[in-house]
Amino acid sequence: MSQTAINNTAVAPSRVNSKYTPARIFARLRTVSLLYLLMLPTIASMLIFSYYPKLDVVIKAFYRWEPGQIEEFIGLKNFQDAMSDPLFWNSFQLVIILLVANLVKMWPGIITAIALHRIASNRWRYIFQVAFVIPMVIPGLVWLLIWKSFYEPDFGILNRFLNLTGGMHLLGWLDGTKDVPGVMPNIAEALTPIINGPVTWLFASVWGMLTFGAVAMTCAARNVDPMGNIKRALLTVGLAFSTYMVVYLAGQDNTTGSAVALIGCILFLIGIARKDGPAWLLWTMWMLAGSWTCQGRLYMLPILVAVAEAINFVVRNMTHTIAAKDIVKWVGLAVVIAGCLFISFGKIWTVPTGQFEFGSPAWLGNKDLVLPAVIFWGFPWVGTVGVLIYLAGLQQISNDVYEAAELDGVGPIRRVFSIELPLIMTQVRINLIFMTIGTLTAYEFFLILLGPAGGPGNKGMVPGLYMYQKAFLSGRFGYACALGMVLFMLVLLLTIIYQRYVKVEK
């Protein structure tokens, strides 16, 4: 061995061990400790002002609690009251409608972001981006008060606009009067025999059509396993029945019976999870929704699943596999669209409101007009934060992708659905989660526009507003904490589903 090799061999251990000297270890610890000391104020403030209040909410959900006056441990009583509270669960009907409406209202923001992204001039793109940011300086409370004045019956902009453009006459023609119903009530009356006849006989209810269509589309996306899906449906019927027993026995103050029923719920849920694997959350949601749509005829739920699976099985055995998936998917989509049309024209505008006859409808003061007023709020539905999030995703798309698409002859419309929309699904998912959380938990908008009662007939009551009412008007702070825990579980469930099923294609 040469002298150089011997020297290298002798020096190597000292080089390896040199980085573990006490001086270097002390310097590294000092650097790390300084970093943690810099982070300490942020961590402490988060623990004190963010995590501790949320932990306190979890604890106080098990108490009959009013700050400074009452603090009594009552166990699961608040949750039992929540399960049997009809107004709380009825508030979710409005939330479901708003979720569907907000899904549609996300499209203007996406289209606007794409239009801004395609502006060739950097200067004009910057000017338009600044124009979108300027409205953020307006306080949210002022924005809500502006919209409240927008709906005023006598001097509101909406009624003045409708009277000037002839839109009020169109609404009056659609609505009619108490003596002579208009177009929409007449359509609802004509659809009533169909909804109460064949639709109810085939699908248990008009809402059952949506469940059947959703199950059919789910079956098209999965392998053929008819008996497995029927077993899942039966397990979910057992879950729905056990949930009903929990609510019923809790109302009867039967603690032992409700505890046994709750254990049954957990066992049925475990059975569904084991049967369906990782996709059990989505399937459980379909089945729980089906249990509600088939209420009164719960035996129809496994029948609907069996029919959907039979259609899937027959089509797959008679057609090419790839084509079969599309056929079953389009059958399910057609049933869903038909159900939505039946609900839109046969279940919503069933009787004349009588509000458009004199040209000054009280949009926020009539129980029949609260829902359209809430849905129309925020028009043209282009949120500043949402547009900026979409723009951030669009700006990450490489120019090479656009050049390749141009060489392939991809037009501007196809570019939206083939390139831009698939590549910003991460941003879409983020906005979808924010939108869902805001829709389920927000109450400020409804409090300012409709008051703590949610407007006439509680038509504008949402879960967040109901929590506010119980806490600050009724003094039931512990019960409001329990309602918040229920909302938290629902938001968590929907977030997990979004993370799993809103695919991000890169």
Protein backbone atom coordinates (compact mmCIF):
# COMPACT_ATOMS: atom_id res chain seq x y z
CA MET A 1 0.00 0.00 0.00
CA SER A 2 1.32 3.44 -0.89
CA GLN A 3 2.16 6.11 1.65
CA THR A 4 -0.76 8.29 0.34
CA ALA A 5 -3.29 5.55 0.89
CA ILE A 6 -1.94 4.98 4.40
CA ASN A 7 -2.26 8.69 5.18
CA ASN A 8 -5.83 8.84 3.81
CA THR A 9 -6.74 5.82 5.88
CA ALA A 10 -5.33 7.44 8.96
CA VAL A 11 -7.04 10.77 8.38
CA ALA A 12 -10.52 9.41 7.45
CA PRO A 13 -11.66 8.51 11.00
CA SER A 14 -10.73 11.94 12.29
CA ARG A 15 -12.76 13.60 9.52
CA VAL A 16 -15.79 11.44 10.29
CA ASN A 17 -15.59 12.05 14.00
CA SER A 18 -14.81 15.74 13.68
CA LYS A 19 -18.46 16.70 13.07
CA TYR A 20 -19.44 15.15 16.41
CA THR A 21 -17.13 17.30 18.47
CA PRO A 22 -18.66 19.01 21.53
CA ALA A 23 -18.14 22.44 19.97
CA ARG A 24 -20.14 21.56 16.85
CA ILE A 25 -22.88 19.84 18.85
CA PHE A 26 -23.18 22.90 21.10
CA ALA A 27 -23.33 25.24 18.08
CA ARG A 28 -26.03 23.15 16.46
CA LEU A 29 -28.09 23.01 19.66
CA ARG A 30 -27.76 26.77 20.04
CA THR A 31 -29.02 27.31 16.46
CA VAL A 32 -31.95 24.94 16.93
CA SER A 33 -32.86 26.44 20.31
CA LEU A 34 -32.83 29.95 18.82
CA LEU A 35 -35.17 28.83 16.05
CA TYR A 36 -37.56 27.29 18.56
CA LEU A 37 -37.39 30.40 20.71
CA LEU A 38 -38.39 32.48 17.70
CA MET A 39 -41.31 30.11 17.06
CA LEU A 40 -42.36 30.03 20.72
CA PRO A 41 -44.60 33.18 20.66
CA THR A 42 -46.48 31.88 17.63
CA ILE A 43 -46.89 28.38 19.08
CA ALA A 44 -47.97 29.75 22.46
CA SER A 45 -50.52 32.12 20.92
CA MET A 46 -51.94 29.31 18.77
CA LEU A 47 -52.26 27.00 21.77
CA ILE A 48 -53.87 29.66 23.96
CA PHE A 49 -56.12 31.48 21.49
CA SER A 50 -56.89 28.77 18.92
CA TYR A 51 -56.54 25.23 20.26
CA TYR A 52 -57.56 25.81 23.89
CA PRO A 53 -60.97 27.38 23.03
CA LYS A 54 -61.71 24.49 20.66
CA LEU A 55 -60.73 21.95 23.31
CA ASP A 56 -62.93 23.80 25.78
CA VAL A 57 -65.85 23.52 23.33
CA VAL A 58 -65.39 19.74 23.25
CA ILE A 59 -65.38 19.58 27.05
CA LYS A 60 -68.33 21.95 27.54
CA ALA A 61 -70.43 19.91 25.09
CA PHE A 62 -70.93 17.46 27.97
CA TYR A 63 -72.11 20.17 30.40
CA ARG A 64 -75.21 22.20 31.06
CA TRP A 65 -73.26 25.40 30.92
CA GLU A 66 -73.88 29.11 31.12
CA PRO A 67 -70.71 31.18 31.69
CA GLY A 68 -70.40 32.41 35.26
CA GLN A 69 -73.69 30.85 36.40
CA ILE A 70 -74.15 27.13 35.64
CA GLU A 71 -71.64 24.36 34.99
CA GLU A 72 -73.16 20.91 35.50
CA PHE A 73 -71.90 17.69 33.92
CA ILE A 74 -74.77 15.93 32.09
CA GLY A 75 -72.92 13.44 29.87
CA LEU A 76 -74.48 12.78 26.46
CA LYS A 77 -77.71 14.66 27.18
CA ASN A 78 -76.82 17.57 24.87
CA PHE A 79 -76.08 15.16 22.01
CA GLN A 80 -79.33 13.28 22.66
CA ASP A 81 -81.23 16.58 22.51
CA ALA A 82 -79.41 17.46 19.28
CA MET A 83 -80.40 14.16 17.65
CA SER A 84 -84.07 14.77 18.47
CA ASP A 85 -84.14 18.52 17.65
CA PRO A 86 -86.30 18.91 14.51
CA LEU A 87 -85.43 22.57 13.89
CA PHE A 88 -81.70 21.83 13.95
CA TRP A 89 -82.01 19.04 11.38
CA ASN A 90 -84.51 21.01 9.28
CA SER A 91 -81.86 23.74 9.01
CA PHE A 92 -79.73 21.31 7.01
CA GLN A 93 -82.32 21.32 4.21
CA LEU A 94 -81.39 24.92 3.43
CA VAL A 95 -77.69 24.06 3.76
CA ILE A 96 -78.00 21.23 1.22
CA ILE A 97 -79.74 23.56 -1.24
CA LEU A 98 -77.07 26.21 -0.69
CA LEU A 99 -74.28 23.66 -1.16
CA VAL A 100 -75.71 22.67 -4.55
CA ALA A 101 -76.22 26.33 -5.48
CA ASN A 102 -72.68 27.24 -4.38
CA LEU A 103 -71.26 24.43 -6.51
CA VAL A 104 -72.87 26.13 -9.50
CA LYS A 105 -71.74 29.55 -8.29
CA MET A 106 -68.09 28.41 -8.32
CA TRP A 107 -68.09 28.39 -12.14
CA PRO A 108 -68.18 32.19 -12.68
CA GLY A 109 -65.02 32.50 -10.57
CA ILE A 110 -63.27 29.75 -12.56
CA ILE A 111 -64.28 31.26 -15.90
CA THR A 112 -63.20 34.74 -14.77
CA ALA A 113 -59.80 33.44 -13.64
CA ILE A 114 -59.27 31.69 -16.99
CA ALA A 115 -60.28 34.85 -18.86
CA LEU A 116 -57.80 36.94 -16.83
CA HIS A 117 -55.09 34.35 -17.38
CA ARG A 118 -55.56 34.49 -21.14
CA ILE A 119 -55.15 38.27 -21.43
CA ALA A 120 -52.12 38.71 -23.64
CA SER A 121 -51.04 42.10 -22.28
CA ASN A 122 -49.27 41.87 -18.92
CA ARG A 123 -50.21 45.46 -18.19
CA TRP A 124 -53.94 44.95 -18.71
CA ARG A 125 -53.83 41.66 -16.78
CA TYR A 126 -52.28 43.49 -13.84
CA ILE A 127 -54.90 46.28 -14.02
CA PHE A 128 -57.77 43.77 -13.97
CA GLN A 129 -56.20 41.85 -11.08
CA VAL A 130 -55.92 45.05 -9.06
CA ALA A 131 -59.56 45.85 -9.91
CA PHE A 132 -60.58 42.48 -8.43
CA VAL A 133 -58.61 43.10 -5.23
CA ILE A 134 -60.02 46.59 -4.55
CA PRO A 135 -63.44 45.33 -3.24
CA MET A 136 -61.57 43.50 -0.45
CA VAL A 137 -61.05 46.84 1.33
CA ILE A 138 -64.84 47.15 1.87
CA PRO A 139 -65.70 45.75 5.35
CA GLY A 140 -67.80 42.63 5.26
CA LEU A 141 -70.52 44.19 7.45
CA VAL A 142 -70.89 47.12 5.05
CA TRP A 143 -71.12 44.67 2.15
CA LEU A 144 -73.97 42.79 3.86
CA LEU A 145 -75.85 45.99 4.67
CA ILE A 146 -75.56 47.06 1.03
CA TRP A 147 -77.18 43.79 -0.03
CA LYS A 148 -79.89 44.18 2.60
CA SER A 149 -80.82 47.55 1.10
CA PHE A 150 -80.63 45.90 -2.34
CA TYR A 151 -83.64 43.73 -1.35
CA GLU A 152 -85.76 46.53 0.16
CA PRO A 153 -89.37 46.27 -1.22
CA ASP A 154 -89.99 49.97 -1.92
CA PHE A 155 -86.64 51.54 -2.84
CA GLY A 156 -84.39 48.50 -3.32
CA ILE A 157 -82.35 48.29 -6.52
CA LEU A 158 -83.62 44.81 -7.38
CA ASN A 159 -87.32 45.73 -7.49
CA ARG A 160 -86.58 48.97 -9.36
CA PHE A 161 -84.53 47.07 -11.91
CA LEU A 162 -87.25 44.43 -12.38
CA ASN A 163 -89.94 47.10 -12.82
CA LEU A 164 -87.86 49.03 -15.36
CA THR A 165 -86.94 46.00 -17.47
CA GLY A 166 -90.27 44.19 -17.36
CA GLY A 167 -88.90 41.36 -15.25
CA MET A 168 -91.59 41.96 -12.63
CA HIS A 169 -94.31 41.23 -15.20
CA LEU A 170 -92.52 38.01 -16.14
CA LEU A 171 -92.36 36.92 -12.49
CA GLY A 172 -96.01 37.84 -12.06
CA TRP A 173 -96.88 35.72 -15.12
CA LEU A 174 -94.95 32.78 -13.66
CA ASP A 175 -96.49 33.25 -10.20
CA GLY A 176 -100.05 34.36 -10.90
CA THR A 177 -102.46 35.40 -8.16
CA LYS A 178 -104.28 33.61 -5.39
CA ASP A 179 -107.34 33.33 -7.62
CA VAL A 180 -105.58 32.57 -10.92
CA PRO A 181 -102.34 30.56 -10.48
CA GLY A 182 -99.52 31.28 -12.88
CA VAL A 183 -97.33 29.03 -15.00
CA MET A 184 -95.17 27.54 -12.24
CA PRO A 185 -98.04 26.53 -9.90
CA ASN A 186 -99.88 25.04 -12.90
CA ILE A 187 -96.81 23.00 -13.87
CA ALA A 188 -96.48 21.79 -10.27
CA GLU A 189 -100.14 20.81 -10.22
CA ALA A 190 -99.71 18.89 -13.49
CA LEU A 191 -96.64 17.05 -12.15
CA THR A 192 -98.22 16.17 -8.80
CA PRO A 193 -100.01 13.02 -10.08
CA ILE A 194 -96.77 11.80 -11.66
CA ILE A 195 -94.71 12.48 -8.54
CA ASN A 196 -97.25 10.92 -6.20
CA GLY A 197 -97.92 8.05 -8.62
CA PRO A 198 -95.23 6.35 -10.74
CA VAL A 199 -92.26 8.22 -9.23
CA THR A 200 -93.23 7.40 -5.64
CA TRP A 201 -94.14 3.82 -6.58
CA LEU A 202 -90.82 3.21 -8.36
CA PHE A 203 -88.41 5.24 -6.21
CA ALA A 204 -90.23 5.69 -2.84
CA SER A 205 -90.15 9.49 -3.37
CA VAL A 206 -88.98 12.07 -5.86
CA TRP A 207 -85.84 12.42 -3.74
CA GLY A 208 -85.33 8.67 -4.12
CA MET A 209 -84.68 9.26 -7.83
CA LEU A 210 -81.55 11.17 -6.87
CA THR A 211 -80.39 8.30 -4.66
CA PHE A 212 -81.01 5.73 -7.39
CA GLY A 213 -79.13 7.80 -9.97
CA ALA A 214 -76.21 8.38 -7.61
CA VAL A 215 -76.00 4.67 -6.77
CA ALA A 216 -76.12 3.78 -10.48
CA MET A 217 -73.24 6.16 -11.26
CA THR A 218 -71.29 4.75 -8.30
CA CYS A 219 -71.89 1.20 -9.57
CA ALA A 220 -70.62 2.19 -13.02
CA ALA A 221 -67.32 3.33 -11.53
CA ARG A 222 -66.67 0.13 -9.61
CA ASN A 223 -66.33 -3.57 -10.24
CA VAL A 224 -69.46 -5.70 -10.52
CA ASP A 225 -70.33 -7.01 -7.09
CA PRO A 226 -74.14 -7.12 -6.88
CA MET A 227 -74.43 -9.17 -3.70
CA GLY A 228 -71.77 -7.10 -2.00
CA ASN A 229 -73.62 -3.84 -2.67
CA ILE A 230 -76.94 -5.32 -1.55
CA LYS A 231 -75.27 -6.37 1.70
CA ARG A 232 -73.95 -2.83 2.09
CA ALA A 233 -77.47 -1.48 1.61
CA LEU A 234 -78.86 -3.88 4.23
CA LEU A 235 -76.11 -2.89 6.64
CA THR A 236 -76.94 0.76 6.08
CA VAL A 237 -80.66 0.14 6.64
CA GLY A 238 -79.62 -1.37 9.97
CA LEU A 239 -77.49 1.73 10.63
CA ALA A 240 -80.43 4.04 9.86
CA PHE A 241 -82.76 1.99 12.09
CA SER A 242 -80.23 2.02 14.94
CA THR A 243 -79.86 5.80 14.59
CA TYR A 244 -83.63 6.17 14.73
CA MET A 245 -83.71 4.05 17.89
CA VAL A 246 -81.01 6.22 19.48
CA VAL A 247 -83.11 9.33 18.86
CA TYR A 248 -86.38 7.70 19.94
CA LEU A 249 -85.03 6.11 23.12
CA ALA A 250 -83.16 9.30 24.02
CA GLY A 251 -86.47 11.15 23.80
CA GLN A 252 -87.98 8.53 26.12
CA ASP A 253 -85.10 9.04 28.63
CA ASN A 254 -84.10 5.41 28.16
CA THR A 255 -80.34 5.77 28.64
CA THR A 256 -79.61 2.04 28.55
CA GLY A 257 -81.62 1.46 25.38
CA SER A 258 -80.09 4.46 23.60
CA ALA A 259 -76.59 3.27 24.59
CA VAL A 260 -77.31 -0.20 23.15
CA ALA A 261 -78.67 1.38 19.95
CA LEU A 262 -75.56 3.57 19.72
CA ILE A 263 -73.37 0.47 19.99
CA GLY A 264 -75.48 -1.03 17.20
CA CYS A 265 -74.81 2.07 15.06
CA ILE A 266 -71.07 1.69 15.58
CA LEU A 267 -71.18 -2.04 14.73
CA PHE A 268 -73.18 -1.44 11.54
CA LEU A 269 -70.74 1.32 10.56
CA ILE A 270 -67.79 -1.02 11.12
CA GLY A 271 -69.56 -3.65 9.00
CA ILE A 272 -69.98 -1.20 6.13
CA ALA A 273 -66.34 -0.10 6.41
CA ARG A 274 -65.09 -3.70 6.27
CA LYS A 275 -67.38 -4.56 3.37
CA ASP A 276 -66.63 -1.55 1.20
CA GLY A 277 -62.96 -0.96 1.95
CA PRO A 278 -61.49 2.54 1.50
CA ALA A 279 -64.58 3.86 -0.34
CA TRP A 280 -66.92 3.20 2.57
CA LEU A 281 -67.34 6.92 3.39
CA LEU A 282 -68.87 7.78 0.02
CA TRP A 283 -71.06 4.68 -0.04
CA THR A 284 -72.25 5.32 3.52
CA MET A 285 -73.23 8.87 2.57
CA TRP A 286 -75.27 7.61 -0.39
CA MET A 287 -77.00 5.04 1.80
CA LEU A 288 -77.70 7.45 4.66
CA ALA A 289 -79.13 9.92 2.14
CA GLY A 290 -81.15 7.04 0.70
CA SER A 291 -82.45 6.19 4.18
CA TRP A 292 -83.79 9.73 4.40
CA THR A 293 -85.25 9.76 0.88
CA CYS A 294 -86.93 6.38 1.47
CA GLN A 295 -88.27 7.25 4.91
CA GLY A 296 -91.62 5.56 5.44
CA ARG A 297 -90.65 2.90 2.88
CA LEU A 298 -87.17 1.98 4.07
CA TYR A 299 -87.42 -1.45 2.44
CA MET A 300 -87.15 0.31 -0.93
CA LEU A 301 -83.49 1.23 -0.38
CA PRO A 302 -82.02 -2.29 -0.93
CA ILE A 303 -84.46 -2.73 -3.83
CA LEU A 304 -83.15 0.43 -5.52
CA VAL A 305 -79.58 -0.75 -5.00
CA ALA A 306 -80.45 -4.19 -6.37
CA VAL A 307 -82.07 -2.69 -9.49
CA ALA A 308 -79.08 -0.39 -10.08
CA GLU A 309 -76.71 -3.35 -9.73
CA ALA A 310 -78.89 -5.48 -12.04
CA ILE A 311 -78.78 -2.79 -14.74
CA ASN A 312 -75.01 -2.53 -14.28
CA PHE A 313 -74.59 -6.33 -14.49
CA VAL A 314 -76.80 -6.76 -17.58
CA VAL A 315 -75.24 -3.86 -19.49
CA ARG A 316 -71.70 -5.02 -18.73
CA ASN A 317 -72.50 -8.53 -20.00
CA MET A 318 -74.18 -7.31 -23.18
CA THR A 319 -71.81 -4.49 -24.12
CA HIS A 320 -68.10 -3.81 -24.27
CA THR A 321 -66.72 -3.07 -20.80
CA ILE A 322 -65.63 0.53 -21.49
CA ALA A 323 -68.89 1.37 -23.27
CA ALA A 324 -70.89 -0.32 -20.48
CA LYS A 325 -69.49 2.03 -17.85
CA ASP A 326 -70.51 5.04 -19.91
CA ILE A 327 -74.02 3.65 -20.54
CA VAL A 328 -74.69 2.96 -16.86
CA LYS A 329 -73.21 6.33 -15.91
CA TRP A 330 -75.45 8.18 -18.36
CA VAL A 331 -78.51 6.23 -17.19
CA GLY A 332 -77.78 7.29 -13.61
CA LEU A 333 -77.13 10.89 -14.69
CA ALA A 334 -80.40 10.98 -16.67
CA VAL A 335 -82.33 9.80 -13.60
CA VAL A 336 -80.63 12.43 -11.43
CA ILE A 337 -81.45 15.18 -13.94
CA ALA A 338 -85.07 13.99 -14.14
CA GLY A 339 -85.29 14.01 -10.34
CA CYS A 340 -83.88 17.53 -10.17
CA LEU A 341 -86.43 18.71 -12.74
CA PHE A 342 -89.28 17.10 -10.80
CA ILE A 343 -88.09 18.80 -7.61
CA SER A 344 -87.52 22.18 -9.30
CA PHE A 345 -90.89 22.32 -11.07
CA GLY A 346 -93.04 20.14 -8.85
CA LYS A 347 -91.88 20.72 -5.27
CA ILE A 348 -90.71 24.34 -4.92
CA TRP A 349 -93.11 26.80 -6.61
CA THR A 350 -96.34 24.92 -5.95
CA VAL A 351 -98.68 27.79 -4.98
CA PRO A 352 -98.77 31.48 -5.95
CA THR A 353 -96.92 33.78 -3.57
CA GLY A 354 -98.97 36.85 -4.53
CA GLN A 355 -95.88 39.05 -4.11
CA PHE A 356 -95.36 40.24 -7.68
CA GLU A 357 -98.84 41.58 -8.37
CA PHE A 358 -98.13 45.12 -7.12
CA GLY A 359 -94.46 45.30 -8.15
CA SER A 360 -92.90 45.45 -4.67
CA PRO A 361 -92.18 41.94 -3.39
CA ALA A 362 -90.68 41.65 0.10
CA TRP A 363 -87.78 39.39 -0.73
CA LEU A 364 -86.61 39.04 2.87
CA GLY A 365 -90.04 39.32 4.47
CA ASN A 366 -91.90 36.51 2.71
CA LYS A 367 -91.21 32.87 3.50
CA ASP A 368 -91.58 31.89 -0.17
CA LEU A 369 -88.99 34.43 -1.37
CA VAL A 370 -86.27 34.01 1.26
CA LEU A 371 -84.63 31.06 -0.51
CA PRO A 372 -84.27 32.70 -3.97
CA ALA A 373 -83.02 35.90 -2.30
CA VAL A 374 -80.35 33.96 -0.40
CA ILE A 375 -79.27 32.07 -3.52
CA PHE A 376 -79.10 35.26 -5.63
CA TRP A 377 -76.96 37.03 -3.02
CA GLY A 378 -73.45 37.87 -4.22
CA PHE A 379 -74.31 38.03 -7.94
CA PRO A 380 -72.35 37.69 -10.25
CA TRP A 381 -70.69 35.26 -7.78
CA VAL A 382 -67.09 36.16 -8.58
CA GLY A 383 -65.20 36.05 -5.28
CA THR A 384 -61.89 37.89 -5.09
CA VAL A 385 -60.04 35.27 -3.03
CA GLY A 386 -61.34 32.40 -5.18
CA VAL A 387 -60.26 34.08 -8.42
CA LEU A 388 -56.78 34.77 -7.03
CA ILE A 389 -56.42 31.12 -5.92
CA TYR A 390 -57.42 29.91 -9.38
CA LEU A 391 -55.02 32.38 -11.01
CA ALA A 392 -52.18 31.07 -8.86
CA GLY A 393 -52.84 27.58 -10.20
CA LEU A 394 -53.19 28.72 -13.81
CA GLN A 395 -49.89 30.57 -13.69
CA GLN A 396 -48.14 27.30 -12.80
CA ILE A 397 -49.12 25.73 -16.14
CA SER A 398 -46.11 25.58 -18.45
CA ASN A 399 -46.20 27.33 -21.81
CA ASP A 400 -45.06 24.05 -23.37
CA VAL A 401 -48.48 22.57 -22.58
CA TYR A 402 -50.25 25.38 -24.43
CA GLU A 403 -47.87 25.12 -27.38
CA ALA A 404 -48.46 21.36 -27.65
CA ALA A 405 -52.22 21.92 -27.47
CA GLU A 406 -52.01 24.54 -30.22
CA LEU A 407 -50.10 22.12 -32.45
CA ASP A 408 -52.79 19.48 -31.83
CA GLY A 409 -55.49 21.93 -32.89
CA VAL A 410 -57.10 22.31 -29.44
CA GLY A 411 -59.60 25.17 -29.47
CA PRO A 412 -60.22 27.70 -26.66
CA ILE A 413 -63.29 25.86 -25.28
CA ARG A 414 -61.68 22.44 -25.30
CA ARG A 415 -58.58 23.94 -23.70
CA VAL A 416 -60.66 24.79 -20.62
CA PHE A 417 -61.83 21.22 -20.01
CA SER A 418 -58.77 19.34 -21.32
CA ILE A 419 -55.92 21.46 -19.92
CA GLU A 420 -56.76 24.29 -17.57
CA LEU A 421 -59.52 22.81 -15.43
CA PRO A 422 -57.76 19.44 -14.84
CA LEU A 423 -54.51 21.20 -13.92
CA ILE A 424 -56.10 23.50 -11.32
CA MET A 425 -58.07 20.80 -9.52
CA THR A 426 -55.86 21.34 -6.46
CA GLN A 427 -57.09 24.94 -6.26
CA VAL A 428 -60.67 23.84 -7.01
CA ARG A 429 -60.48 21.36 -4.15
CA ILE A 430 -59.18 24.06 -1.78
CA ASN A 431 -62.03 26.42 -2.71
CA LEU A 432 -64.50 23.53 -2.48
CA ILE A 433 -63.42 22.79 1.08
CA PHE A 434 -63.55 26.47 2.04
CA MET A 435 -66.99 26.81 0.43
CA THR A 436 -68.33 23.75 2.27
CA ILE A 437 -67.00 24.90 5.64
CA GLY A 438 -68.39 28.39 5.09
CA THR A 439 -71.81 27.11 4.00
CA LEU A 440 -72.15 24.76 6.96
CA THR A 441 -70.86 27.08 9.69
CA ALA A 442 -71.51 30.68 8.54
CA TYR A 443 -74.36 32.60 10.17
CA GLU A 444 -73.41 36.32 10.01
CA PHE A 445 -75.04 36.81 6.62
CA PHE A 446 -78.34 35.28 7.77
CA LEU A 447 -78.24 37.11 11.11
CA ILE A 448 -77.88 40.53 9.49
CA LEU A 449 -80.30 39.95 6.61
CA LEU A 450 -82.96 37.82 8.34
CA GLY A 451 -82.49 38.27 12.08
CA PRO A 452 -81.82 35.61 14.75
CA ALA A 453 -85.03 33.71 13.88
CA GLY A 454 -83.90 33.11 10.30
CA GLY A 455 -86.63 35.20 8.70
CA PRO A 456 -90.34 34.38 8.37
CA GLY A 457 -91.19 30.79 9.23
CA ASN A 458 -87.49 30.07 10.04
CA LYS A 459 -86.95 29.64 6.29
CA GLY A 460 -83.46 31.13 6.53
CA MET A 461 -82.38 29.10 9.54
CA VAL A 462 -78.98 27.44 9.08
CA PRO A 463 -77.07 25.36 11.66
CA GLY A 464 -74.62 28.18 12.48
CA LEU A 465 -77.45 30.64 13.14
CA TYR A 466 -79.26 28.03 15.23
CA MET A 467 -76.11 27.59 17.35
CA TYR A 468 -75.93 31.38 17.82
CA GLN A 469 -79.60 31.48 18.83
CA LYS A 470 -79.24 28.71 21.40
CA ALA A 471 -76.05 30.13 22.89
CA PHE A 472 -76.64 33.90 23.06
CA LEU A 473 -80.45 34.15 23.10
CA SER A 474 -81.49 30.99 24.96
CA GLY A 475 -78.41 30.78 27.19
CA ARG A 476 -77.79 27.08 26.37
CA PHE A 477 -74.06 27.37 25.72
CA GLY A 478 -73.35 23.70 26.41
CA TYR A 479 -76.02 22.63 23.94
CA ALA A 480 -74.58 25.01 21.35
CA CYS A 481 -71.15 23.39 21.88
CA ALA A 482 -72.71 19.97 21.21
CA LEU A 483 -74.26 21.29 18.00
CA GLY A 484 -70.83 22.61 17.03
CA MET A 485 -69.35 19.14 17.54
CA VAL A 486 -71.99 17.66 15.21
CA LEU A 487 -71.11 20.27 12.58
CA PHE A 488 -67.42 19.55 13.05
CA MET A 489 -67.93 15.84 12.33
CA LEU A 490 -69.95 16.60 9.19
CA VAL A 491 -67.34 19.05 7.89
CA LEU A 492 -64.58 16.54 8.62
CA LEU A 493 -66.47 13.80 6.76
CA LEU A 494 -67.04 15.99 3.70
CA THR A 495 -63.41 17.15 3.73
CA ILE A 496 -62.17 13.55 3.71
CA ILE A 497 -64.48 12.77 0.79
CA TYR A 498 -63.26 15.82 -1.15
CA GLN A 499 -59.64 14.85 -0.52
CA ARG A 500 -60.27 11.34 -1.79
CA TYR A 501 -62.64 11.83 -4.72
CA VAL A 502 -61.79 15.27 -6.15
CA LYS A 503 -58.96 13.98 -8.27
CA VAL A 504 -55.93 16.07 -9.13
CA GLU A 505 -54.60 15.29 -12.61
CA LYS A 506 -51.05 16.42 -13.32
